[in-house]
Protein backbone atom coordinates (compact mmCIF):
# COMPACT_ATOMS: atom_id res chain seq x y z
CA UNK A 1 0.00 0.00 0.00
CA UNK A 2 2.91 2.31 0.71
CA UNK A 3 4.21 1.84 -2.85
CA UNK A 4 0.86 3.02 -4.20
CA UNK A 5 1.11 6.13 -2.05
CA UNK A 6 4.60 6.81 -3.39
CA UNK A 7 3.37 6.33 -6.95
CA UNK A 8 0.60 8.85 -6.30
CA UNK A 9 3.13 11.39 -5.04
CA UNK A 10 5.35 10.89 -8.09
CA UNK A 11 2.39 11.31 -10.45
CA UNK A 12 1.34 14.46 -8.61
CA UNK A 13 4.86 15.86 -8.95
CA UNK A 14 4.93 15.09 -12.67
CA UNK A 15 1.57 16.70 -13.36
CA UNK A 16 2.46 19.71 -11.22
CA UNK A 17 5.62 20.38 -13.21
CA UNK A 18 4.07 19.66 -16.61
CA UNK A 19 1.02 21.86 -16.17
CA UNK A 20 2.86 24.65 -14.37
CA UNK A 21 5.34 24.98 -17.24
CA UNK A 22 3.18 24.22 -20.27
CA UNK A 23 0.17 26.43 -19.51
CA UNK A 24 2.06 29.75 -19.15
CA UNK A 25 4.35 28.81 -22.04
CA UNK A 26 1.37 28.06 -24.28
CA UNK A 27 -0.26 31.32 -23.27
CA UNK A 28 2.99 33.13 -24.11
CA UNK A 29 3.09 31.49 -27.54
CA UNK A 30 -0.50 32.49 -28.20
CA UNK A 31 0.09 36.10 -27.08
CA UNK A 32 3.25 36.37 -29.20
CA UNK A 33 1.43 35.14 -32.30
CA UNK A 34 -1.49 37.48 -31.63
CA UNK A 35 0.57 40.65 -31.06
CA UNK A 36 3.69 39.78 -33.14
CA UNK A 37 6.02 40.26 -30.19
CA UNK A 38 8.04 37.08 -30.62
CA UNK A 39 10.09 36.01 -27.83
CA UNK A 40 8.70 38.52 -25.28
CA UNK A 41 5.65 36.63 -23.99
CA UNK A 42 7.29 33.22 -24.52
CA UNK A 43 10.11 34.26 -22.18
CA UNK A 44 7.69 35.73 -19.65
CA UNK A 45 5.56 32.56 -19.80
CA UNK A 46 8.63 30.34 -19.42
CA UNK A 47 9.84 32.28 -16.38
CA UNK A 48 6.40 32.22 -14.76
CA UNK A 49 6.12 28.50 -15.49
CA UNK A 50 9.49 27.70 -13.95
CA UNK A 51 8.69 29.72 -10.82
CA UNK A 52 5.24 28.14 -10.52
CA UNK A 53 6.62 24.63 -11.02
CA UNK A 54 9.31 25.20 -8.38
CA UNK A 55 6.77 26.43 -5.83
CA UNK A 56 4.45 23.52 -6.64
CA UNK A 57 7.21 20.92 -6.27
CA UNK A 58 8.29 22.39 -2.93
CA UNK A 59 4.70 22.33 -1.65
CA UNK A 60 4.12 18.72 -2.72
CA UNK A 61 7.48 17.64 -1.29
CA UNK A 62 6.90 19.35 2.07
CA UNK A 63 3.43 17.77 2.31
CA UNK A 64 4.89 14.34 1.49
CA UNK A 65 7.68 14.73 4.05
CA UNK A 66 5.17 15.74 6.73
CA UNK A 67 3.00 12.76 5.86
CA UNK A 68 5.94 10.35 6.04
CA UNK A 69 7.25 11.72 9.33
CA UNK A 70 3.96 11.55 11.27
CA UNK A 71 3.90 8.66 13.76
CA UNK A 72 0.99 6.27 13.28
CA UNK A 73 -1.13 4.77 16.02
CA UNK A 74 -1.57 1.02 16.20
CA UNK A 75 -4.95 -0.56 17.04
CA UNK A 76 -3.77 -0.90 20.66
CA UNK A 77 -3.22 2.85 20.90
CA UNK A 78 0.58 2.75 20.87
CA UNK A 79 2.56 4.98 18.55
CA UNK A 80 4.29 3.03 15.76
CA UNK A 81 7.39 4.78 14.43
CA UNK A 82 8.51 1.94 12.13
CA UNK A 83 7.94 2.08 8.41
CA UNK A 84 5.76 -0.46 6.69
CA UNK A 85 7.67 -3.31 5.19
CA UNK A 86 7.09 -3.88 1.52
PDB file of N, CA and C in Angstrom:
ATOM      1  N   UNK A   1       0.820  -1.193   0.000  1.00  0.00           N
ATOM      2  CA  UNK A   1       0.000   0.000   0.000  1.00  0.00           C
ATOM      3  C   UNK A   1       0.863   1.255   0.000  1.00  0.00           C
ATOM      4  N   UNK A   2       2.026   1.157   0.650  1.00  0.00           N
ATOM      5  CA  UNK A   2       2.907   2.314   0.705  1.00  0.00           C
ATOM      6  C   UNK A   2       3.463   2.642  -0.675  1.00  0.00           C
ATOM      7  N   UNK A   3       3.710   1.602  -1.504  1.00  0.00           N
ATOM      8  CA  UNK A   3       4.210   1.837  -2.854  1.00  0.00           C
ATOM      9  C   UNK A   3       3.190   2.589  -3.691  1.00  0.00           C
ATOM     10  N   UNK A   4       1.917   2.309  -3.480  1.00  0.00           N
ATOM     11  CA  UNK A   4       0.863   3.015  -4.200  1.00  0.00           C
ATOM     12  C   UNK A   4       0.827   4.488  -3.800  1.00  0.00           C
ATOM     13  N   UNK A   5       1.062   4.762  -2.528  1.00  0.00           N
ATOM     14  CA  UNK A   5       1.114   6.133  -2.049  1.00  0.00           C
ATOM     15  C   UNK A   5       2.297   6.878  -2.672  1.00  0.00           C
ATOM     16  N   UNK A   6       3.423   6.201  -2.766  1.00  0.00           N
ATOM     17  CA  UNK A   6       4.599   6.814  -3.390  1.00  0.00           C
ATOM     18  C   UNK A   6       4.354   7.074  -4.874  1.00  0.00           C
ATOM     19  N   UNK A   7       3.686   6.145  -5.536  1.00  0.00           N
ATOM     20  CA  UNK A   7       3.368   6.328  -6.945  1.00  0.00           C
ATOM     21  C   UNK A   7       2.459   7.544  -7.134  1.00  0.00           C
ATOM     22  N   UNK A   8       1.494   7.699  -6.246  1.00  0.00           N
ATOM     23  CA  UNK A   8       0.602   8.848  -6.302  1.00  0.00           C
ATOM     24  C   UNK A   8       1.360  10.160  -6.140  1.00  0.00           C
ATOM     25  N   UNK A   9       2.334  10.184  -5.230  1.00  0.00           N
ATOM     26  CA  UNK A   9       3.131  11.392  -5.036  1.00  0.00           C
ATOM     27  C   UNK A   9       3.967  11.702  -6.269  1.00  0.00           C
ATOM     28  N   UNK A  10       4.528  10.678  -6.890  1.00  0.00           N
ATOM     29  CA  UNK A  10       5.346  10.892  -8.088  1.00  0.00           C
ATOM     30  C   UNK A  10       4.484  11.400  -9.257  1.00  0.00           C
ATOM     31  N   UNK A  11       3.295  10.833  -9.401  1.00  0.00           N
ATOM     32  CA  UNK A  11       2.385  11.310 -10.446  1.00  0.00           C
ATOM     33  C   UNK A  11       1.973  12.756 -10.191  1.00  0.00           C
ATOM     34  N   UNK A  12       1.727  13.087  -8.947  1.00  0.00           N
ATOM     35  CA  UNK A  12       1.343  14.456  -8.610  1.00  0.00           C
ATOM     36  C   UNK A  12       2.485  15.421  -8.924  1.00  0.00           C
ATOM     37  N   UNK A  13       3.713  15.023  -8.621  1.00  0.00           N
ATOM     38  CA  UNK A  13       4.861  15.864  -8.954  1.00  0.00           C
ATOM     39  C   UNK A  13       4.980  16.071 -10.457  1.00  0.00           C
ATOM     40  N   UNK A  14       4.821  14.999 -11.217  1.00  0.00           N
ATOM     41  CA  UNK A  14       4.926  15.090 -12.667  1.00  0.00           C
ATOM     42  C   UNK A  14       3.881  16.015 -13.264  1.00  0.00           C
ATOM     43  N   UNK A  15       2.633  15.848 -12.839  1.00  0.00           N
ATOM     44  CA  UNK A  15       1.571  16.699 -13.360  1.00  0.00           C
ATOM     45  C   UNK A  15       1.743  18.148 -12.920  1.00  0.00           C
ATOM     46  N   UNK A  16       2.229  18.350 -11.711  1.00  0.00           N
ATOM     47  CA  UNK A  16       2.461  19.711 -11.222  1.00  0.00           C
ATOM     48  C   UNK A  16       3.472  20.433 -12.099  1.00  0.00           C
ATOM     49  N   UNK A  17       4.586  19.759 -12.379  1.00  0.00           N
ATOM     50  CA  UNK A  17       5.625  20.378 -13.210  1.00  0.00           C
ATOM     51  C   UNK A  17       5.127  20.586 -14.643  1.00  0.00           C
ATOM     52  N   UNK A  18       4.507  19.573 -15.220  1.00  0.00           N
ATOM     53  CA  UNK A  18       4.072  19.659 -16.614  1.00  0.00           C
ATOM     54  C   UNK A  18       3.062  20.785 -16.820  1.00  0.00           C
ATOM     55  N   UNK A  19       2.046  20.833 -15.993  1.00  0.00           N
ATOM     56  CA  UNK A  19       1.015  21.864 -16.167  1.00  0.00           C
ATOM     57  C   UNK A  19       1.526  23.254 -15.816  1.00  0.00           C
ATOM     58  N   UNK A  20       2.359  23.339 -14.781  1.00  0.00           N
ATOM     59  CA  UNK A  20       2.863  24.646 -14.367  1.00  0.00           C
ATOM     60  C   UNK A  20       3.776  25.265 -15.416  1.00  0.00           C
ATOM     61  N   UNK A  21       4.452  24.449 -16.204  1.00  0.00           N
ATOM     62  CA  UNK A  21       5.342  24.982 -17.236  1.00  0.00           C
ATOM     63  C   UNK A  21       4.598  25.157 -18.557  1.00  0.00           C
ATOM     64  N   UNK A  22       3.795  24.185 -18.942  1.00  0.00           N
ATOM     65  CA  UNK A  22       3.181  24.216 -20.268  1.00  0.00           C
ATOM     66  C   UNK A  22       2.064  25.252 -20.415  1.00  0.00           C
ATOM     67  N   UNK A  23       1.277  25.474 -19.398  1.00  0.00           N
ATOM     68  CA  UNK A  23       0.167  26.428 -19.512  1.00  0.00           C
ATOM     69  C   UNK A  23       0.672  27.857 -19.728  1.00  0.00           C
ATOM     70  N   UNK A  24       1.581  28.391 -18.884  1.00  0.00           N
ATOM     71  CA  UNK A  24       2.065  29.753 -19.153  1.00  0.00           C
ATOM     72  C   UNK A  24       2.869  29.856 -20.452  1.00  0.00           C
ATOM     73  N   UNK A  25       3.589  28.795 -20.801  1.00  0.00           N
ATOM     74  CA  UNK A  25       4.351  28.805 -22.041  1.00  0.00           C
ATOM     75  C   UNK A  25       3.413  28.834 -23.253  1.00  0.00           C
ATOM     76  N   UNK A  26       2.360  28.047 -23.211  1.00  0.00           N
ATOM     77  CA  UNK A  26       1.369  28.059 -24.284  1.00  0.00           C
ATOM     78  C   UNK A  26       0.667  29.401 -24.398  1.00  0.00           C
ATOM     79  N   UNK A  27       0.354  29.994 -23.264  1.00  0.00           N
ATOM     80  CA  UNK A  27      -0.262  31.316 -23.266  1.00  0.00           C
ATOM     81  C   UNK A  27       0.704  32.346 -23.863  1.00  0.00           C
ATOM     82  N   UNK A  28       1.990  32.233 -23.538  1.00  0.00           N
ATOM     83  CA  UNK A  28       2.989  33.130 -24.106  1.00  0.00           C
ATOM     84  C   UNK A  28       3.105  32.964 -25.615  1.00  0.00           C
ATOM     85  N   UNK A  29       3.066  31.731 -26.090  1.00  0.00           N
ATOM     86  CA  UNK A  29       3.092  31.490 -27.539  1.00  0.00           C
ATOM     87  C   UNK A  29       1.880  32.123 -28.226  1.00  0.00           C
ATOM     88  N   UNK A  30       0.729  31.943 -27.621  1.00  0.00           N
ATOM     89  CA  UNK A  30      -0.498  32.493 -28.204  1.00  0.00           C
ATOM     90  C   UNK A  30      -0.450  34.027 -28.233  1.00  0.00           C
ATOM     91  N   UNK A  31       0.004  34.638 -27.129  1.00  0.00           N
ATOM     92  CA  UNK A  31       0.090  36.101 -27.082  1.00  0.00           C
ATOM     93  C   UNK A  31       1.115  36.637 -28.086  1.00  0.00           C
ATOM     94  N   UNK A  32       2.241  35.946 -28.238  1.00  0.00           N
ATOM     95  CA  UNK A  32       3.254  36.370 -29.203  1.00  0.00           C
ATOM     96  C   UNK A  32       2.725  36.294 -30.637  1.00  0.00           C
ATOM     97  N   UNK A  33       1.981  35.251 -30.944  1.00  0.00           N
ATOM     98  CA  UNK A  33       1.434  35.145 -32.300  1.00  0.00           C
ATOM     99  C   UNK A  33       0.335  36.183 -32.537  1.00  0.00           C
ATOM    100  N   UNK A  34      -0.389  36.505 -31.506  1.00  0.00           N
ATOM    101  CA  UNK A  34      -1.485  37.479 -31.627  1.00  0.00           C
ATOM    102  C   UNK A  34      -0.965  38.905 -31.797  1.00  0.00           C
ATOM    103  N   UNK A  35       0.075  39.270 -31.051  1.00  0.00           N
ATOM    104  CA  UNK A  35       0.574  40.646 -31.059  1.00  0.00           C
ATOM    105  C   UNK A  35       1.904  40.810 -31.797  1.00  0.00           C
ATOM    106  N   UNK A  36       2.419  39.757 -32.405  1.00  0.00           N
ATOM    107  CA  UNK A  36       3.695  39.782 -33.137  1.00  0.00           C
ATOM    108  C   UNK A  36       4.836  40.335 -32.290  1.00  0.00           C
ATOM    109  N   UNK A  37       4.963  39.819 -31.108  1.00  0.00           N
ATOM    110  CA  UNK A  37       6.021  40.259 -30.189  1.00  0.00           C
ATOM    111  C   UNK A  37       6.933  39.093 -29.837  1.00  0.00           C
ATOM    112  N   UNK A  38       7.274  38.294 -30.857  1.00  0.00           N
ATOM    113  CA  UNK A  38       8.043  37.078 -30.617  1.00  0.00           C
ATOM    114  C   UNK A  38       9.246  37.332 -29.750  1.00  0.00           C
ATOM    115  N   UNK A  39       9.733  36.737 -29.018  1.00  0.00           N
ATOM    116  CA  UNK A  39      10.092  36.008 -27.825  1.00  0.00           C
ATOM    117  C   UNK A  39       9.627  36.628 -26.511  1.00  0.00           C
ATOM    118  N   UNK A  40       9.027  37.826 -26.524  1.00  0.00           N
ATOM    119  CA  UNK A  40       8.698  38.519 -25.277  1.00  0.00           C
ATOM    120  C   UNK A  40       7.789  37.687 -24.368  1.00  0.00           C
ATOM    121  N   UNK A  41       6.606  37.343 -24.842  1.00  0.00           N
ATOM    122  CA  UNK A  41       5.655  36.626 -23.986  1.00  0.00           C
ATOM    123  C   UNK A  41       6.048  35.158 -23.784  1.00  0.00           C
ATOM    124  N   UNK A  42       6.791  34.592 -24.723  1.00  0.00           N
ATOM    125  CA  UNK A  42       7.293  33.222 -24.525  1.00  0.00           C
ATOM    126  C   UNK A  42       8.258  33.207 -23.338  1.00  0.00           C
ATOM    127  N   UNK A  43       9.158  34.189 -23.294  1.00  0.00           N
ATOM    128  CA  UNK A  43      10.106  34.259 -22.184  1.00  0.00           C
ATOM    129  C   UNK A  43       9.409  34.534 -20.858  1.00  0.00           C
ATOM    130  N   UNK A  44       8.443  35.435 -20.875  1.00  0.00           N
ATOM    131  CA  UNK A  44       7.689  35.726 -19.651  1.00  0.00           C
ATOM    132  C   UNK A  44       6.934  34.475 -19.193  1.00  0.00           C
ATOM    133  N   UNK A  45       6.295  33.788 -20.135  1.00  0.00           N
ATOM    134  CA  UNK A  45       5.565  32.557 -19.795  1.00  0.00           C
ATOM    135  C   UNK A  45       6.492  31.471 -19.271  1.00  0.00           C
ATOM    136  N   UNK A  46       7.672  31.347 -19.878  1.00  0.00           N
ATOM    137  CA  UNK A  46       8.632  30.341 -19.415  1.00  0.00           C
ATOM    138  C   UNK A  46       9.102  30.647 -17.997  1.00  0.00           C
ATOM    139  N   UNK A  47       9.398  31.898 -17.719  1.00  0.00           N
ATOM    140  CA  UNK A  47       9.844  32.275 -16.375  1.00  0.00           C
ATOM    141  C   UNK A  47       8.741  32.044 -15.337  1.00  0.00           C
ATOM    142  N   UNK A  48       7.523  32.450 -15.675  1.00  0.00           N
ATOM    143  CA  UNK A  48       6.404  32.215 -14.755  1.00  0.00           C
ATOM    144  C   UNK A  48       6.169  30.721 -14.533  1.00  0.00           C
ATOM    145  N   UNK A  49       6.303  29.945 -15.606  1.00  0.00           N
ATOM    146  CA  UNK A  49       6.125  28.501 -15.493  1.00  0.00           C
ATOM    147  C   UNK A  49       7.176  27.852 -14.616  1.00  0.00           C
ATOM    148  N   UNK A  50       8.413  28.266 -14.769  1.00  0.00           N
ATOM    149  CA  UNK A  50       9.494  27.705 -13.948  1.00  0.00           C
ATOM    150  C   UNK A  50       9.298  28.059 -12.482  1.00  0.00           C
ATOM    151  N   UNK A  51       8.933  29.300 -12.211  1.00  0.00           N
ATOM    152  CA  UNK A  51       8.691  29.719 -10.823  1.00  0.00           C
ATOM    153  C   UNK A  51       7.511  28.963 -10.232  1.00  0.00           C
ATOM    154  N   UNK A  52       6.430  28.850 -10.992  1.00  0.00           N
ATOM    155  CA  UNK A  52       5.238  28.137 -10.519  1.00  0.00           C
ATOM    156  C   UNK A  52       5.536  26.659 -10.278  1.00  0.00           C
ATOM    157  N   UNK A  53       6.274  26.043 -11.177  1.00  0.00           N
ATOM    158  CA  UNK A  53       6.625  24.631 -11.021  1.00  0.00           C
ATOM    159  C   UNK A  53       7.494  24.421  -9.790  1.00  0.00           C
ATOM    160  N   UNK A  54       8.437  25.322  -9.549  1.00  0.00           N
ATOM    161  CA  UNK A  54       9.306  25.199  -8.380  1.00  0.00           C
ATOM    162  C   UNK A  54       8.504  25.300  -7.089  1.00  0.00           C
ATOM    163  N   UNK A  55       7.611  26.283  -7.031  1.00  0.00           N
ATOM    164  CA  UNK A  55       6.772  26.434  -5.835  1.00  0.00           C
ATOM    165  C   UNK A  55       5.885  25.204  -5.647  1.00  0.00           C
ATOM    166  N   UNK A  56       5.308  24.696  -6.731  1.00  0.00           N
ATOM    167  CA  UNK A  56       4.451  23.516  -6.643  1.00  0.00           C
ATOM    168  C   UNK A  56       5.205  22.279  -6.174  1.00  0.00           C
ATOM    169  N   UNK A  57       6.410  22.083  -6.683  1.00  0.00           N
ATOM    170  CA  UNK A  57       7.212  20.918  -6.272  1.00  0.00           C
ATOM    171  C   UNK A  57       7.589  21.021  -4.801  1.00  0.00           C
ATOM    172  N   UNK A  58       7.946  22.215  -4.352  1.00  0.00           N
ATOM    173  CA  UNK A  58       8.289  22.389  -2.935  1.00  0.00           C
ATOM    174  C   UNK A  58       7.082  22.095  -2.058  1.00  0.00           C
ATOM    175  N   UNK A  59       5.902  22.583  -2.451  1.00  0.00           N
ATOM    176  CA  UNK A  59       4.704  22.330  -1.649  1.00  0.00           C
ATOM    177  C   UNK A  59       4.362  20.849  -1.576  1.00  0.00           C
ATOM    178  N   UNK A  60       4.429  20.151  -2.711  1.00  0.00           N
ATOM    179  CA  UNK A  60       4.124  18.716  -2.724  1.00  0.00           C
ATOM    180  C   UNK A  60       5.160  17.947  -1.903  1.00  0.00           C
ATOM    181  N   UNK A  61       6.418  18.322  -2.019  1.00  0.00           N
ATOM    182  CA  UNK A  61       7.479  17.638  -1.289  1.00  0.00           C
ATOM    183  C   UNK A  61       7.348  17.848   0.213  1.00  0.00           C
ATOM    184  N   UNK A  62       7.065  19.076   0.635  1.00  0.00           N
ATOM    185  CA  UNK A  62       6.898  19.348   2.068  1.00  0.00           C
ATOM    186  C   UNK A  62       5.711  18.566   2.617  1.00  0.00           C
ATOM    187  N   UNK A  63       4.604  18.526   1.864  1.00  0.00           N
ATOM    188  CA  UNK A  63       3.433  17.767   2.307  1.00  0.00           C
ATOM    189  C   UNK A  63       3.751  16.278   2.420  1.00  0.00           C
ATOM    190  N   UNK A  64       4.519  15.757   1.461  1.00  0.00           N
ATOM    191  CA  UNK A  64       4.889  14.340   1.490  1.00  0.00           C
ATOM    192  C   UNK A  64       5.819  14.045   2.661  1.00  0.00           C
ATOM    193  N   UNK A  65       6.762  14.939   2.921  1.00  0.00           N
ATOM    194  CA  UNK A  65       7.680  14.732   4.046  1.00  0.00           C
ATOM    195  C   UNK A  65       6.937  14.770   5.377  1.00  0.00           C
ATOM    196  N   UNK A  66       5.972  15.683   5.505  1.00  0.00           N
ATOM    197  CA  UNK A  66       5.166  15.738   6.726  1.00  0.00           C
ATOM    198  C   UNK A  66       4.360  14.465   6.902  1.00  0.00           C
ATOM    199  N   UNK A  67       3.811  13.978   5.810  1.00  0.00           N
ATOM    200  CA  UNK A  67       3.004  12.756   5.861  1.00  0.00           C
ATOM    201  C   UNK A  67       3.851  11.547   6.251  1.00  0.00           C
ATOM    202  N   UNK A  68       5.059  11.483   5.744  1.00  0.00           N
ATOM    203  CA  UNK A  68       5.937  10.355   6.041  1.00  0.00           C
ATOM    204  C   UNK A  68       6.510  10.416   7.451  1.00  0.00           C
ATOM    205  N   UNK A  69       6.636  11.599   8.016  1.00  0.00           N
ATOM    206  CA  UNK A  69       7.254  11.720   9.333  1.00  0.00           C
ATOM    207  C   UNK A  69       6.255  11.618  10.484  1.00  0.00           C
ATOM    208  N   UNK A  70       4.958  11.647  10.205  1.00  0.00           N
ATOM    209  CA  UNK A  70       3.963  11.545  11.268  1.00  0.00           C
ATOM    210  C   UNK A  70       3.932  10.136  11.839  1.00  0.00           C
ATOM    211  N   UNK A  71       4.022   9.999  13.163  1.00  0.00           N
ATOM    212  CA  UNK A  71       3.902   8.665  13.762  1.00  0.00           C
ATOM    213  C   UNK A  71       2.463   8.165  13.671  1.00  0.00           C
ATOM    214  N   UNK A  72       2.325   6.857  13.395  1.00  0.00           N
ATOM    215  CA  UNK A  72       0.992   6.268  13.285  1.00  0.00           C
ATOM    216  C   UNK A  72       0.619   5.581  14.593  1.00  0.00           C
ATOM    217  N   UNK A  73      -0.669   5.480  14.833  1.00  0.00           N
ATOM    218  CA  UNK A  73      -1.129   4.773  16.019  1.00  0.00           C
ATOM    219  C   UNK A  73      -1.564   3.375  15.628  1.00  0.00           C
ATOM    220  N   UNK A  74      -1.176   2.413  16.430  1.00  0.00           N
ATOM    221  CA  UNK A  74      -1.574   1.023  16.198  1.00  0.00           C
ATOM    222  C   UNK A  74      -2.966   0.814  16.792  1.00  0.00           C
ATOM    223  N   UNK A  75      -3.613  -0.303  16.479  1.00  0.00           N
ATOM    224  CA  UNK A  75      -4.951  -0.561  17.043  1.00  0.00           C
ATOM    225  C   UNK A  75      -4.954  -0.585  18.576  1.00  0.00           C
ATOM    226  N   UNK A  76      -3.817  -0.864  19.204  1.00  0.00           N
ATOM    227  CA  UNK A  76      -3.768  -0.903  20.664  1.00  0.00           C
ATOM    228  C   UNK A  76      -3.566   0.479  21.262  1.00  0.00           C
ATOM    229  N   UNK A  77      -3.378   1.492  20.408  1.00  0.00           N
ATOM    230  CA  UNK A  77      -3.224   2.852  20.895  1.00  0.00           C
ATOM    231  C   UNK A  77      -1.776   3.292  21.015  1.00  0.00           C
ATOM    232  N   UNK A  78      -0.840   2.385  20.773  1.00  0.00           N
ATOM    233  CA  UNK A  78       0.579   2.746  20.867  1.00  0.00           C
ATOM    234  C   UNK A  78       1.013   3.436  19.578  1.00  0.00           C
ATOM    235  N   UNK A  79       2.026   4.268  19.707  1.00  0.00           N
ATOM    236  CA  UNK A  79       2.565   4.976  18.552  1.00  0.00           C
ATOM    237  C   UNK A  79       3.581   4.068  17.875  1.00  0.00           C
ATOM    238  N   UNK A  80       3.405   3.877  16.555  1.00  0.00           N
ATOM    239  CA  UNK A  80       4.294   3.027  15.759  1.00  0.00           C
ATOM    240  C   UNK A  80       5.170   3.928  14.898  1.00  0.00           C
ATOM    241  N   UNK A  81       6.472   3.915  15.168  1.00  0.00           N
ATOM    242  CA  UNK A  81       7.394   4.777  14.426  1.00  0.00           C
ATOM    243  C   UNK A  81       8.123   4.014  13.333  1.00  0.00           C
ATOM    244  N   UNK A  82       7.876   2.731  13.183  1.00  0.00           N
ATOM    245  CA  UNK A  82       8.507   1.935  12.133  1.00  0.00           C
ATOM    246  C   UNK A  82       7.803   2.169  10.810  1.00  0.00           C
ATOM    247  N   UNK A  83       8.543   1.991   9.734  1.00  0.00           N
ATOM    248  CA  UNK A  83       7.945   2.084   8.413  1.00  0.00           C
ATOM    249  C   UNK A  83       7.344   0.735   8.045  1.00  0.00           C
ATOM    250  N   UNK A  84       6.338   0.778   7.193  1.00  0.00           N
ATOM    251  CA  UNK A  84       5.757  -0.460   6.685  1.00  0.00           C
ATOM    252  C   UNK A  84       6.786  -1.211   5.879  1.00  0.00           C
ATOM    253  N   UNK A  85       6.756  -2.515   5.989  1.00  0.00           N
ATOM    254  CA  UNK A  85       7.669  -3.305   5.192  1.00  0.00           C
ATOM    255  C   UNK A  85       6.974  -3.727   3.919  1.00  0.00           C
ATOM    256  N   UNK A  86       7.692  -3.604   2.822  1.00  0.00           N
ATOM    257  CA  UNK A  86       7.089  -3.881   1.518  1.00  0.00           C
ATOM    258  C   UNK A  86       6.877  -5.330   1.266  1.00  0.00           C
TER     259      UNK A  86
END
